[in-house]
């Protein structure tokens, strides 16, 4: 399949069934790059999204990427038969890497706050095998990040992770398992260090917060 580059992101459809749809409220063109390497791939971008930079690359067939009213930068790789879904009111401090393969799903819920140098991937990029049996031991696994989750600077979320709504992931942490909702998790691998928490987007540099 010939590689097709779309450097000005607007409503688009080609002869291979690849399609880009912008929400009704959106501008006719969004700065960014979309690459189709297969067929029957779908990209939807909310008209209320403000995305810069944006790169979406479809590496196979039947991929689906849905971006809600997010604000920030994304570098997205959609593998064969994979789904990437970014909810509404998601924000990033710089470009977030989202990487999928092998028919997995990567879901980011509404109102998530993603700090700098965030990497979220359902796979390890290269296969690892058991030497004796020859069996592959690192299959790709889906990721689900609930609503109102804060990912700290340089955190990484790996395949099989499920982060509950309202949780906080500490800076430099590596998540590879389930984190309950309203929890703080940190470390490599990330472990729960506090439960029963909530957080808001207020900036401590500009506001004084008192203990309740």
N, C-alpha and C. Protein backbone atom coordinates (compact mmCIF):
# COMPACT_ATOMS: atom_id res chain seq x y z
N UNK A 1 0.83 -1.19 0.00
CA UNK A 1 0.00 0.00 0.00
C UNK A 1 0.87 1.25 0.00
N UNK A 2 0.59 2.17 -0.92
CA UNK A 2 1.34 3.41 -1.00
C UNK A 2 1.09 4.28 0.20
N UNK A 3 2.14 4.91 0.71
CA UNK A 3 2.00 5.83 1.83
C UNK A 3 1.39 7.13 1.34
N UNK A 4 0.36 7.61 2.06
CA UNK A 4 -0.31 8.86 1.69
C UNK A 4 -0.14 9.84 2.83
N UNK A 5 0.41 11.02 2.54
CA UNK A 5 0.59 12.07 3.54
C UNK A 5 -0.44 13.17 3.33
N UNK A 6 -1.05 13.58 4.43
CA UNK A 6 -1.99 14.70 4.39
C UNK A 6 -1.43 15.76 5.33
N UNK A 7 -0.86 16.83 4.77
CA UNK A 7 -0.16 17.82 5.59
C UNK A 7 -1.05 18.95 6.07
N UNK A 8 -2.21 19.13 5.45
CA UNK A 8 -3.20 20.10 5.93
C UNK A 8 -4.45 19.33 6.29
N UNK A 9 -4.75 19.25 7.57
CA UNK A 9 -5.79 18.35 8.04
C UNK A 9 -7.15 19.02 7.88
N UNK A 10 -7.92 18.53 6.94
CA UNK A 10 -9.29 18.99 6.71
C UNK A 10 -10.12 17.76 6.38
N UNK A 11 -11.40 17.93 6.11
CA UNK A 11 -12.21 16.79 5.69
C UNK A 11 -11.59 16.15 4.45
N UNK A 12 -11.44 14.83 4.49
CA UNK A 12 -10.65 14.15 3.46
C UNK A 12 -11.13 12.72 3.31
N UNK A 13 -11.07 12.21 2.10
CA UNK A 13 -11.36 10.80 1.85
C UNK A 13 -10.62 10.39 0.59
N UNK A 14 -10.01 9.20 0.61
CA UNK A 14 -9.28 8.75 -0.58
C UNK A 14 -9.88 7.45 -1.11
N UNK A 15 -9.29 6.94 -2.15
CA UNK A 15 -9.80 5.76 -2.80
C UNK A 15 -9.54 4.47 -2.07
N UNK A 16 -8.82 4.53 -0.96
CA UNK A 16 -8.53 3.34 -0.16
C UNK A 16 -9.42 3.24 1.07
N UNK A 17 -10.42 4.12 1.18
CA UNK A 17 -11.32 4.08 2.32
C UNK A 17 -10.82 4.81 3.55
N UNK A 18 -9.71 5.52 3.43
CA UNK A 18 -9.21 6.33 4.55
C UNK A 18 -9.98 7.64 4.60
N UNK A 19 -10.31 8.09 5.83
CA UNK A 19 -11.20 9.25 5.94
C UNK A 19 -10.83 10.10 7.14
N UNK A 20 -10.85 11.43 6.95
CA UNK A 20 -10.69 12.40 8.04
C UNK A 20 -11.97 13.22 8.12
N UNK A 21 -12.50 13.36 9.34
CA UNK A 21 -13.71 14.14 9.55
C UNK A 21 -13.46 15.15 10.66
N UNK A 22 -13.73 16.41 10.39
CA UNK A 22 -13.64 17.46 11.40
C UNK A 22 -15.03 17.80 11.89
N UNK A 23 -15.16 18.09 13.19
CA UNK A 23 -16.43 18.48 13.77
C UNK A 23 -16.96 19.75 13.13
N UNK A 24 -18.26 19.96 13.22
CA UNK A 24 -18.90 21.08 12.53
C UNK A 24 -18.39 22.43 12.98
N UNK A 25 -17.99 22.55 14.25
CA UNK A 25 -17.56 23.84 14.75
C UNK A 25 -16.13 24.17 14.37
N UNK A 26 -15.43 23.21 13.78
CA UNK A 26 -14.00 23.36 13.57
C UNK A 26 -13.63 24.22 12.38
N UNK A 27 -12.39 24.61 12.35
CA UNK A 27 -11.84 25.33 11.21
C UNK A 27 -11.70 24.35 10.04
N UNK A 28 -11.60 24.88 8.86
CA UNK A 28 -11.50 24.03 7.68
C UNK A 28 -10.18 23.28 7.62
N UNK A 29 -9.15 23.84 8.27
CA UNK A 29 -7.82 23.22 8.24
C UNK A 29 -7.20 23.27 9.64
N UNK A 30 -6.60 22.17 10.06
CA UNK A 30 -5.86 22.12 11.32
C UNK A 30 -4.40 21.83 11.00
N UNK A 31 -3.45 22.60 11.56
CA UNK A 31 -2.03 22.32 11.29
C UNK A 31 -1.66 20.92 11.79
N UNK A 32 -0.92 20.20 11.00
CA UNK A 32 -0.52 18.88 11.45
C UNK A 32 -0.22 17.96 10.28
N UNK A 33 -0.04 16.69 10.58
CA UNK A 33 0.31 15.70 9.58
C UNK A 33 -0.44 14.41 9.86
N UNK A 34 -1.06 13.85 8.82
CA UNK A 34 -1.68 12.52 8.90
C UNK A 34 -1.05 11.65 7.82
N UNK A 35 -0.66 10.44 8.21
CA UNK A 35 -0.07 9.50 7.25
C UNK A 35 -0.90 8.22 7.25
N UNK A 36 -1.35 7.82 6.07
CA UNK A 36 -2.05 6.55 5.91
C UNK A 36 -1.13 5.56 5.20
N UNK A 37 -0.87 4.42 5.84
CA UNK A 37 -0.07 3.36 5.21
C UNK A 37 -0.94 2.15 4.88
N UNK A 38 -2.23 2.24 5.13
CA UNK A 38 -3.13 1.13 4.86
C UNK A 38 -4.44 1.63 4.32
N UNK A 39 -5.51 0.90 4.61
CA UNK A 39 -6.82 1.26 4.09
C UNK A 39 -7.87 1.18 5.20
N UNK A 40 -9.01 1.83 4.92
CA UNK A 40 -10.18 1.81 5.83
C UNK A 40 -9.84 2.34 7.22
N UNK A 41 -9.04 3.38 7.28
CA UNK A 41 -8.73 4.03 8.55
C UNK A 41 -9.59 5.28 8.71
N UNK A 42 -9.88 5.62 9.98
CA UNK A 42 -10.77 6.74 10.27
C UNK A 42 -10.15 7.65 11.32
N UNK A 43 -10.19 8.96 11.04
CA UNK A 43 -9.76 9.97 12.00
C UNK A 43 -10.88 10.99 12.17
N UNK A 44 -11.31 11.20 13.42
CA UNK A 44 -12.29 12.24 13.73
C UNK A 44 -11.67 13.20 14.72
N UNK A 45 -11.82 14.50 14.46
CA UNK A 45 -11.32 15.54 15.36
C UNK A 45 -12.46 16.49 15.69
N UNK A 46 -12.71 16.68 16.97
CA UNK A 46 -13.77 17.59 17.40
C UNK A 46 -13.51 19.00 16.89
N UNK A 47 -14.57 19.69 16.55
CA UNK A 47 -14.44 21.07 16.13
C UNK A 47 -13.97 22.00 17.23
N UNK A 48 -14.05 21.55 18.48
CA UNK A 48 -13.62 22.37 19.61
C UNK A 48 -12.19 22.06 20.05
N UNK A 49 -11.52 21.19 19.33
CA UNK A 49 -10.14 20.84 19.67
C UNK A 49 -9.19 21.95 19.24
N UNK A 50 -8.09 22.11 20.02
CA UNK A 50 -7.02 23.04 19.66
C UNK A 50 -5.72 22.26 19.76
N UNK A 51 -5.20 21.80 18.63
CA UNK A 51 -4.14 20.81 18.61
C UNK A 51 -2.91 21.34 17.89
N UNK A 52 -1.81 21.41 18.61
CA UNK A 52 -0.56 21.85 18.00
C UNK A 52 0.61 21.46 18.91
N UNK A 53 1.56 20.65 18.41
CA UNK A 53 1.52 20.01 17.09
C UNK A 53 0.64 18.77 17.10
N UNK A 54 0.29 18.28 15.91
CA UNK A 54 -0.49 17.06 15.80
C UNK A 54 0.08 16.20 14.68
N UNK A 55 0.36 14.94 15.01
CA UNK A 55 0.80 13.96 14.03
C UNK A 55 0.04 12.67 14.29
N UNK A 56 -0.64 12.15 13.28
CA UNK A 56 -1.38 10.89 13.39
C UNK A 56 -0.92 9.99 12.25
N UNK A 57 -0.39 8.84 12.59
CA UNK A 57 0.10 7.89 11.59
C UNK A 57 -0.62 6.56 11.74
N UNK A 58 -1.27 6.14 10.67
CA UNK A 58 -1.96 4.85 10.63
C UNK A 58 -1.02 3.84 9.97
N UNK A 59 -0.62 2.82 10.74
CA UNK A 59 0.39 1.87 10.27
C UNK A 59 -0.19 0.59 9.69
N UNK A 60 -1.52 0.48 9.62
CA UNK A 60 -2.14 -0.71 9.08
C UNK A 60 -3.52 -0.39 8.54
N UNK A 61 -4.41 -1.38 8.61
CA UNK A 61 -5.77 -1.23 8.12
C UNK A 61 -6.76 -1.14 9.28
N UNK A 62 -7.91 -0.53 8.99
CA UNK A 62 -9.05 -0.53 9.92
C UNK A 62 -8.74 0.12 11.27
N UNK A 63 -7.87 1.12 11.26
CA UNK A 63 -7.60 1.88 12.48
C UNK A 63 -8.63 2.96 12.71
N UNK A 64 -8.80 3.34 13.97
CA UNK A 64 -9.79 4.36 14.31
C UNK A 64 -9.20 5.28 15.38
N UNK A 65 -9.19 6.58 15.09
CA UNK A 65 -8.69 7.57 16.05
C UNK A 65 -9.73 8.66 16.22
N UNK A 66 -10.12 8.91 17.46
CA UNK A 66 -11.15 9.91 17.78
C UNK A 66 -10.55 10.88 18.79
N UNK A 67 -10.50 12.16 18.45
CA UNK A 67 -9.95 13.18 19.33
C UNK A 67 -11.05 14.16 19.69
N UNK A 68 -11.37 14.24 20.98
CA UNK A 68 -12.39 15.16 21.45
C UNK A 68 -11.86 16.58 21.56
N UNK A 69 -12.47 17.38 22.41
CA UNK A 69 -12.12 18.80 22.53
C UNK A 69 -10.86 18.98 23.37
N UNK A 70 -9.78 18.35 22.91
CA UNK A 70 -8.50 18.39 23.62
C UNK A 70 -7.73 19.65 23.26
N UNK A 71 -6.79 20.03 24.15
CA UNK A 71 -5.93 21.18 23.93
C UNK A 71 -4.49 20.73 24.17
N UNK A 72 -3.63 20.85 23.16
CA UNK A 72 -2.24 20.47 23.33
C UNK A 72 -1.70 19.74 22.12
N UNK A 73 -0.58 19.02 22.31
CA UNK A 73 0.08 18.34 21.22
C UNK A 73 0.04 16.83 21.38
N UNK A 74 -0.09 16.13 20.25
CA UNK A 74 -0.15 14.67 20.26
C UNK A 74 0.63 14.10 19.08
N UNK A 75 1.39 13.04 19.34
CA UNK A 75 2.03 12.23 18.32
C UNK A 75 1.42 10.84 18.45
N UNK A 76 0.54 10.49 17.52
CA UNK A 76 -0.30 9.30 17.65
C UNK A 76 0.06 8.29 16.56
N UNK A 77 0.26 7.04 16.97
CA UNK A 77 0.48 5.96 16.03
C UNK A 77 -0.61 4.91 16.24
N UNK A 78 -1.38 4.69 15.19
CA UNK A 78 -2.51 3.76 15.24
C UNK A 78 -2.15 2.51 14.45
N UNK A 79 -2.01 1.40 15.16
CA UNK A 79 -1.64 0.15 14.50
C UNK A 79 -2.81 -0.53 13.83
N UNK A 80 -2.54 -1.69 13.24
CA UNK A 80 -3.55 -2.45 12.51
C UNK A 80 -4.74 -2.79 13.42
N UNK A 81 -5.95 -2.37 13.00
CA UNK A 81 -7.20 -2.65 13.73
C UNK A 81 -7.19 -2.10 15.15
N UNK A 82 -6.46 -1.02 15.38
CA UNK A 82 -6.38 -0.42 16.72
C UNK A 82 -7.33 0.77 16.85
N UNK A 83 -7.61 1.11 18.10
CA UNK A 83 -8.48 2.25 18.42
C UNK A 83 -7.75 3.17 19.39
N UNK A 84 -7.71 4.46 19.07
CA UNK A 84 -7.23 5.49 19.99
C UNK A 84 -8.37 6.47 20.20
N UNK A 85 -8.72 6.71 21.46
CA UNK A 85 -9.82 7.64 21.75
C UNK A 85 -9.37 8.60 22.86
N UNK A 86 -9.35 9.88 22.53
CA UNK A 86 -8.99 10.94 23.48
C UNK A 86 -10.25 11.73 23.79
N UNK A 87 -10.58 11.85 25.06
CA UNK A 87 -11.84 12.48 25.46
C UNK A 87 -11.83 13.99 25.35
N UNK A 88 -12.87 14.60 25.88
CA UNK A 88 -13.01 16.05 25.88
C UNK A 88 -12.24 16.69 27.03
N UNK A 89 -11.80 17.92 26.83
CA UNK A 89 -11.14 18.74 27.85
C UNK A 89 -9.85 18.12 28.36
N UNK A 90 -9.21 17.30 27.54
CA UNK A 90 -7.88 16.76 27.86
C UNK A 90 -6.85 17.82 27.51
N UNK A 91 -5.86 18.03 28.39
CA UNK A 91 -4.82 19.02 28.13
C UNK A 91 -3.44 18.38 28.24
N UNK A 92 -2.49 18.92 27.47
CA UNK A 92 -1.11 18.47 27.53
C UNK A 92 -0.19 19.68 27.69
N UNK A 93 0.97 19.47 28.34
CA UNK A 93 1.96 20.54 28.45
C UNK A 93 2.89 20.59 27.25
N UNK A 94 3.14 19.44 26.64
CA UNK A 94 3.85 19.39 25.37
C UNK A 94 3.37 18.15 24.63
N UNK A 95 4.08 17.72 23.61
CA UNK A 95 3.59 16.62 22.77
C UNK A 95 3.59 15.30 23.53
N UNK A 96 2.43 14.65 23.58
CA UNK A 96 2.27 13.34 24.23
C UNK A 96 2.31 12.25 23.17
N UNK A 97 3.09 11.21 23.42
CA UNK A 97 3.17 10.07 22.52
C UNK A 97 2.11 9.03 22.88
N UNK A 98 1.28 8.64 21.90
CA UNK A 98 0.30 7.57 22.05
C UNK A 98 0.60 6.54 20.97
N UNK A 99 0.86 5.28 21.36
CA UNK A 99 1.35 4.30 20.41
C UNK A 99 0.61 2.97 20.60
N UNK A 100 -0.01 2.48 19.52
CA UNK A 100 -0.79 1.24 19.61
C UNK A 100 -0.37 0.25 18.53
N UNK A 101 -0.62 -1.04 18.79
CA UNK A 101 -0.37 -2.09 17.80
C UNK A 101 -1.22 -3.30 18.16
N UNK A 102 -1.36 -4.21 17.21
CA UNK A 102 -1.97 -5.53 17.42
C UNK A 102 -3.40 -5.47 17.97
N UNK A 103 -4.24 -4.67 17.30
CA UNK A 103 -5.68 -4.63 17.59
C UNK A 103 -5.99 -4.26 19.03
N UNK A 104 -5.19 -3.38 19.62
CA UNK A 104 -5.44 -2.92 20.98
C UNK A 104 -6.19 -1.58 20.98
N UNK A 105 -6.71 -1.22 22.15
CA UNK A 105 -7.38 0.05 22.34
C UNK A 105 -6.61 0.89 23.36
N UNK A 106 -6.55 2.20 23.11
CA UNK A 106 -5.94 3.14 24.03
C UNK A 106 -6.95 4.26 24.27
N UNK A 107 -7.48 4.30 25.48
CA UNK A 107 -8.55 5.24 25.82
C UNK A 107 -8.04 6.23 26.87
N UNK A 108 -8.22 7.52 26.61
CA UNK A 108 -7.93 8.59 27.57
C UNK A 108 -9.24 9.30 27.86
N UNK A 109 -9.68 9.28 29.11
CA UNK A 109 -10.98 9.84 29.47
C UNK A 109 -11.02 11.36 29.45
N UNK A 110 -12.18 11.90 29.72
CA UNK A 110 -12.37 13.35 29.73
C UNK A 110 -11.59 14.03 30.86
N UNK A 111 -11.20 15.27 30.62
CA UNK A 111 -10.62 16.15 31.64
C UNK A 111 -9.32 15.61 32.24
N UNK A 112 -8.57 14.85 31.46
CA UNK A 112 -7.26 14.40 31.94
C UNK A 112 -6.22 15.50 31.73
N UNK A 113 -5.25 15.56 32.64
CA UNK A 113 -4.17 16.55 32.57
C UNK A 113 -2.86 15.80 32.40
N UNK A 114 -2.23 15.97 31.24
CA UNK A 114 -1.03 15.23 30.88
C UNK A 114 0.15 16.19 30.88
N UNK A 115 1.11 15.95 31.75
CA UNK A 115 2.25 16.84 31.91
C UNK A 115 3.25 16.64 30.76
N UNK A 116 4.50 17.02 30.98
CA UNK A 116 5.50 16.98 29.91
C UNK A 116 6.16 15.61 29.79
N UNK A 117 6.54 15.27 28.54
CA UNK A 117 7.28 14.04 28.22
C UNK A 117 6.52 12.78 28.67
N UNK A 118 5.24 12.72 28.28
CA UNK A 118 4.40 11.57 28.62
C UNK A 118 4.42 10.57 27.46
N UNK A 119 4.56 9.29 27.79
CA UNK A 119 4.59 8.22 26.79
C UNK A 119 3.56 7.16 27.19
N UNK A 120 2.58 6.92 26.31
CA UNK A 120 1.52 5.93 26.58
C UNK A 120 1.53 4.95 25.42
N UNK A 121 1.80 3.67 25.70
CA UNK A 121 1.94 2.71 24.61
C UNK A 121 1.40 1.34 25.00
N UNK A 122 0.67 0.72 24.08
CA UNK A 122 0.08 -0.59 24.35
C UNK A 122 1.04 -1.74 24.05
N UNK A 123 2.21 -1.44 23.50
CA UNK A 123 3.14 -2.50 23.09
C UNK A 123 4.58 -2.06 23.35
N UNK A 124 5.51 -3.00 23.22
CA UNK A 124 6.92 -2.76 23.52
C UNK A 124 7.76 -2.43 22.28
N UNK A 125 7.13 -2.30 21.12
CA UNK A 125 7.77 -1.99 19.85
C UNK A 125 8.51 -3.17 19.22
N UNK A 126 9.07 -4.06 20.03
CA UNK A 126 9.79 -5.22 19.49
C UNK A 126 9.40 -6.47 20.29
N UNK A 127 9.33 -7.64 19.62
CA UNK A 127 8.93 -8.87 20.31
C UNK A 127 10.02 -9.44 21.20
N UNK A 128 9.61 -10.04 22.31
CA UNK A 128 10.52 -10.76 23.21
C UNK A 128 10.02 -12.19 23.34
N UNK A 129 10.93 -13.17 23.23
CA UNK A 129 10.54 -14.58 23.24
C UNK A 129 11.21 -15.32 24.39
N UNK A 130 10.52 -16.33 24.88
CA UNK A 130 11.13 -17.28 25.79
C UNK A 130 12.15 -18.11 25.00
N UNK A 131 13.37 -18.16 25.50
CA UNK A 131 14.45 -18.79 24.73
C UNK A 131 14.22 -20.28 24.50
N UNK A 132 13.69 -20.97 25.50
CA UNK A 132 13.52 -22.42 25.38
C UNK A 132 12.32 -22.81 24.52
N UNK A 133 11.17 -22.17 24.79
CA UNK A 133 9.95 -22.57 24.09
C UNK A 133 9.72 -21.81 22.79
N UNK A 134 10.35 -20.66 22.66
CA UNK A 134 10.11 -19.84 21.48
C UNK A 134 8.82 -19.06 21.52
N UNK A 135 8.11 -19.14 22.66
CA UNK A 135 6.82 -18.45 22.80
C UNK A 135 7.05 -16.97 23.08
N UNK A 136 6.33 -16.15 22.40
CA UNK A 136 6.44 -14.71 22.65
C UNK A 136 5.84 -14.37 23.99
N UNK A 137 6.51 -13.52 24.77
CA UNK A 137 6.07 -13.24 26.14
C UNK A 137 5.63 -11.80 26.35
N UNK A 138 5.60 -10.98 25.30
CA UNK A 138 5.20 -9.59 25.50
C UNK A 138 4.12 -9.14 24.50
N UNK A 139 2.96 -9.80 24.51
CA UNK A 139 1.89 -9.36 23.61
C UNK A 139 1.41 -7.96 23.97
N UNK A 140 0.93 -7.23 22.99
CA UNK A 140 0.35 -5.92 23.24
C UNK A 140 -0.94 -6.05 24.05
N UNK A 141 -1.21 -5.05 24.91
CA UNK A 141 -2.41 -5.06 25.74
C UNK A 141 -3.03 -3.66 25.75
N UNK A 142 -4.34 -3.61 25.82
CA UNK A 142 -5.06 -2.34 25.80
C UNK A 142 -4.83 -1.53 27.06
N UNK A 143 -5.08 -0.22 26.96
CA UNK A 143 -4.91 0.72 28.06
C UNK A 143 -6.20 1.52 28.21
N UNK A 144 -6.62 1.72 29.45
CA UNK A 144 -7.78 2.57 29.72
C UNK A 144 -7.43 3.54 30.85
N UNK A 145 -7.46 4.82 30.55
CA UNK A 145 -7.21 5.87 31.54
C UNK A 145 -8.54 6.57 31.79
N UNK A 146 -9.01 6.56 33.03
CA UNK A 146 -10.31 7.12 33.36
C UNK A 146 -10.34 8.64 33.29
N UNK A 147 -11.49 9.21 33.53
CA UNK A 147 -11.65 10.66 33.49
C UNK A 147 -10.93 11.33 34.66
N UNK A 148 -10.50 12.58 34.43
CA UNK A 148 -9.88 13.43 35.47
C UNK A 148 -8.69 12.73 36.12
N UNK A 149 -7.80 12.24 35.27
CA UNK A 149 -6.54 11.64 35.73
C UNK A 149 -5.40 12.60 35.42
N UNK A 150 -4.48 12.75 36.38
CA UNK A 150 -3.31 13.62 36.22
C UNK A 150 -2.08 12.73 36.08
N UNK A 151 -1.40 12.81 34.92
CA UNK A 151 -0.15 12.08 34.71
C UNK A 151 1.01 13.05 34.89
N UNK A 152 1.87 12.78 35.88
CA UNK A 152 3.00 13.65 36.19
C UNK A 152 4.10 13.57 35.15
N UNK A 153 5.02 14.51 35.25
CA UNK A 153 6.10 14.67 34.29
C UNK A 153 6.90 13.37 34.11
N UNK A 154 7.19 13.05 32.84
CA UNK A 154 7.98 11.88 32.44
C UNK A 154 7.37 10.55 32.88
N UNK A 155 6.08 10.51 33.12
CA UNK A 155 5.47 9.22 33.45
C UNK A 155 5.20 8.43 32.17
N UNK A 156 5.17 7.12 32.34
CA UNK A 156 4.94 6.21 31.21
C UNK A 156 3.83 5.25 31.59
N UNK A 157 2.89 5.04 30.67
CA UNK A 157 1.78 4.11 30.89
C UNK A 157 1.91 3.00 29.85
N UNK A 158 2.06 1.76 30.34
CA UNK A 158 2.33 0.62 29.46
C UNK A 158 1.10 -0.24 29.28
N UNK A 159 1.18 -1.17 28.32
CA UNK A 159 0.07 -2.05 27.99
C UNK A 159 -0.45 -2.81 29.19
N UNK A 160 -1.77 -2.92 29.27
CA UNK A 160 -2.41 -3.61 30.38
C UNK A 160 -2.80 -2.70 31.52
N UNK A 161 -2.43 -1.42 31.44
CA UNK A 161 -2.74 -0.47 32.52
C UNK A 161 -4.21 -0.05 32.48
N UNK A 162 -4.77 0.08 33.67
CA UNK A 162 -6.12 0.63 33.83
C UNK A 162 -6.05 1.61 35.01
N UNK A 163 -6.16 2.90 34.73
CA UNK A 163 -6.05 3.92 35.76
C UNK A 163 -7.43 4.47 36.05
N UNK A 164 -7.87 4.35 37.30
CA UNK A 164 -9.21 4.76 37.68
C UNK A 164 -9.38 6.27 37.68
N UNK A 165 -10.61 6.70 37.53
CA UNK A 165 -10.94 8.13 37.47
C UNK A 165 -10.46 8.86 38.72
N UNK A 166 -9.99 10.09 38.54
CA UNK A 166 -9.61 10.94 39.66
C UNK A 166 -8.25 10.65 40.25
N UNK A 167 -7.47 9.79 39.64
CA UNK A 167 -6.18 9.40 40.22
C UNK A 167 -5.04 10.29 39.74
N UNK A 168 -3.92 10.21 40.47
CA UNK A 168 -2.71 10.99 40.17
C UNK A 168 -1.55 10.02 40.03
N UNK A 169 -0.78 10.16 38.96
CA UNK A 169 0.42 9.34 38.74
C UNK A 169 1.64 10.24 38.91
N UNK A 170 2.51 9.89 39.85
CA UNK A 170 3.65 10.72 40.18
C UNK A 170 4.67 10.85 39.07
N UNK A 171 5.46 11.91 39.13
CA UNK A 171 6.49 12.18 38.12
C UNK A 171 7.46 11.02 37.99
N UNK A 172 7.80 10.66 36.77
CA UNK A 172 8.78 9.61 36.51
C UNK A 172 8.28 8.20 36.76
N UNK A 173 6.99 8.03 36.96
CA UNK A 173 6.45 6.70 37.27
C UNK A 173 6.21 5.88 36.02
N UNK A 174 6.22 4.55 36.19
CA UNK A 174 5.90 3.62 35.11
C UNK A 174 4.72 2.77 35.55
N UNK A 175 3.59 2.96 34.87
CA UNK A 175 2.37 2.22 35.22
C UNK A 175 2.24 1.03 34.30
N UNK A 176 1.98 -0.14 34.86
CA UNK A 176 1.84 -1.35 34.04
C UNK A 176 0.77 -2.29 34.59
N UNK A 177 -0.12 -1.75 35.46
CA UNK A 177 -1.14 -2.58 36.06
C UNK A 177 -2.37 -1.71 36.36
N UNK A 178 -3.27 -2.20 37.19
CA UNK A 178 -4.48 -1.45 37.52
C UNK A 178 -4.24 -0.54 38.72
N UNK A 179 -4.68 0.72 38.60
CA UNK A 179 -4.62 1.69 39.69
C UNK A 179 -6.06 2.07 40.03
N UNK A 180 -6.48 1.92 41.29
CA UNK A 180 -7.87 2.25 41.64
C UNK A 180 -8.17 3.73 41.47
N UNK A 181 -9.43 4.07 41.36
CA UNK A 181 -9.82 5.46 41.24
C UNK A 181 -9.49 6.24 42.51
N UNK A 182 -9.26 7.54 42.33
CA UNK A 182 -8.97 8.46 43.44
C UNK A 182 -7.78 8.02 44.28
N UNK A 183 -6.74 7.58 43.58
CA UNK A 183 -5.51 7.13 44.26
C UNK A 183 -4.31 7.93 43.74
N UNK A 184 -3.25 7.96 44.55
CA UNK A 184 -1.96 8.46 44.12
C UNK A 184 -1.03 7.26 43.98
N UNK A 185 -0.40 7.12 42.82
CA UNK A 185 0.54 6.03 42.58
C UNK A 185 1.85 6.61 42.07
N UNK A 186 2.97 6.04 42.50
CA UNK A 186 4.28 6.56 42.09
C UNK A 186 5.29 5.43 42.13
N UNK A 187 6.37 5.61 41.37
CA UNK A 187 7.47 4.66 41.39
C UNK A 187 7.59 3.89 40.09
N UNK A 188 8.57 2.99 40.06
CA UNK A 188 8.85 2.17 38.88
C UNK A 188 9.10 0.73 39.34
N UNK A 189 8.08 -0.13 39.25
CA UNK A 189 6.73 0.15 38.75
C UNK A 189 5.92 0.96 39.75
N UNK A 190 4.89 1.64 39.26
CA UNK A 190 4.07 2.49 40.11
C UNK A 190 3.32 1.65 41.14
N UNK A 191 3.34 2.14 42.39
CA UNK A 191 2.61 1.50 43.48
C UNK A 191 1.73 2.54 44.17
N UNK A 192 0.64 2.07 44.72
CA UNK A 192 -0.31 2.99 45.37
C UNK A 192 0.30 3.49 46.67
N UNK A 193 0.36 4.82 46.82
CA UNK A 193 0.90 5.39 48.06
C UNK A 193 -0.15 6.16 48.85
N UNK A 194 -1.29 6.41 48.24
CA UNK A 194 -2.37 7.10 48.96
C UNK A 194 -3.68 6.81 48.24
N UNK A 195 -4.75 6.59 49.00
CA UNK A 195 -6.08 6.38 48.43
C UNK A 195 -7.04 7.44 48.97
N UNK A 196 -8.20 7.55 48.33
CA UNK A 196 -9.21 8.47 48.78
C UNK A 196 -8.84 9.93 48.57
N UNK A 197 -8.25 10.27 47.41
CA UNK A 197 -7.82 11.64 47.14
C UNK A 197 -8.66 12.24 46.02
N UNK A 198 -8.58 13.55 45.91
CA UNK A 198 -9.12 14.26 44.76
C UNK A 198 -8.16 15.40 44.44
N UNK A 199 -8.28 16.00 43.27
CA UNK A 199 -7.35 17.07 42.88
C UNK A 199 -8.07 18.03 41.93
N UNK A 200 -7.51 19.25 41.81
CA UNK A 200 -8.04 20.18 40.82
C UNK A 200 -6.90 20.82 40.05
N UNK A 201 -7.24 21.64 39.06
CA UNK A 201 -6.24 22.21 38.16
C UNK A 201 -5.64 23.52 38.66
N UNK A 202 -5.98 23.94 39.85
CA UNK A 202 -5.43 25.17 40.38
C UNK A 202 -3.91 25.13 40.45
N UNK A 203 -3.25 26.24 40.07
CA UNK A 203 -1.79 26.31 40.05
C UNK A 203 -1.28 26.88 41.37
N UNK A 204 -0.43 26.12 42.05
CA UNK A 204 0.07 26.55 43.36
C UNK A 204 0.92 27.81 43.28
N UNK A 205 1.46 28.13 42.11
CA UNK A 205 2.25 29.36 41.98
C UNK A 205 1.38 30.61 42.07
N UNK A 206 0.11 30.46 41.73
CA UNK A 206 -0.73 31.64 41.67
C UNK A 206 -1.83 31.71 42.69
N UNK A 207 -1.98 30.70 43.52
CA UNK A 207 -3.06 30.67 44.49
C UNK A 207 -2.56 30.14 45.82
N UNK A 208 -3.20 30.55 46.89
CA UNK A 208 -2.92 30.00 48.20
C UNK A 208 -4.01 29.01 48.57
N UNK A 209 -3.60 27.82 48.93
CA UNK A 209 -4.56 26.78 49.30
C UNK A 209 -4.42 26.48 50.78
N UNK A 210 -5.53 26.44 51.46
CA UNK A 210 -5.55 26.14 52.88
C UNK A 210 -6.08 24.75 53.11
N UNK A 211 -5.58 24.12 54.16
CA UNK A 211 -6.12 22.80 54.52
C UNK A 211 -7.56 22.95 54.95
N UNK A 212 -8.39 22.00 54.52
CA UNK A 212 -9.80 22.05 54.90
C UNK A 212 -9.98 21.54 56.32
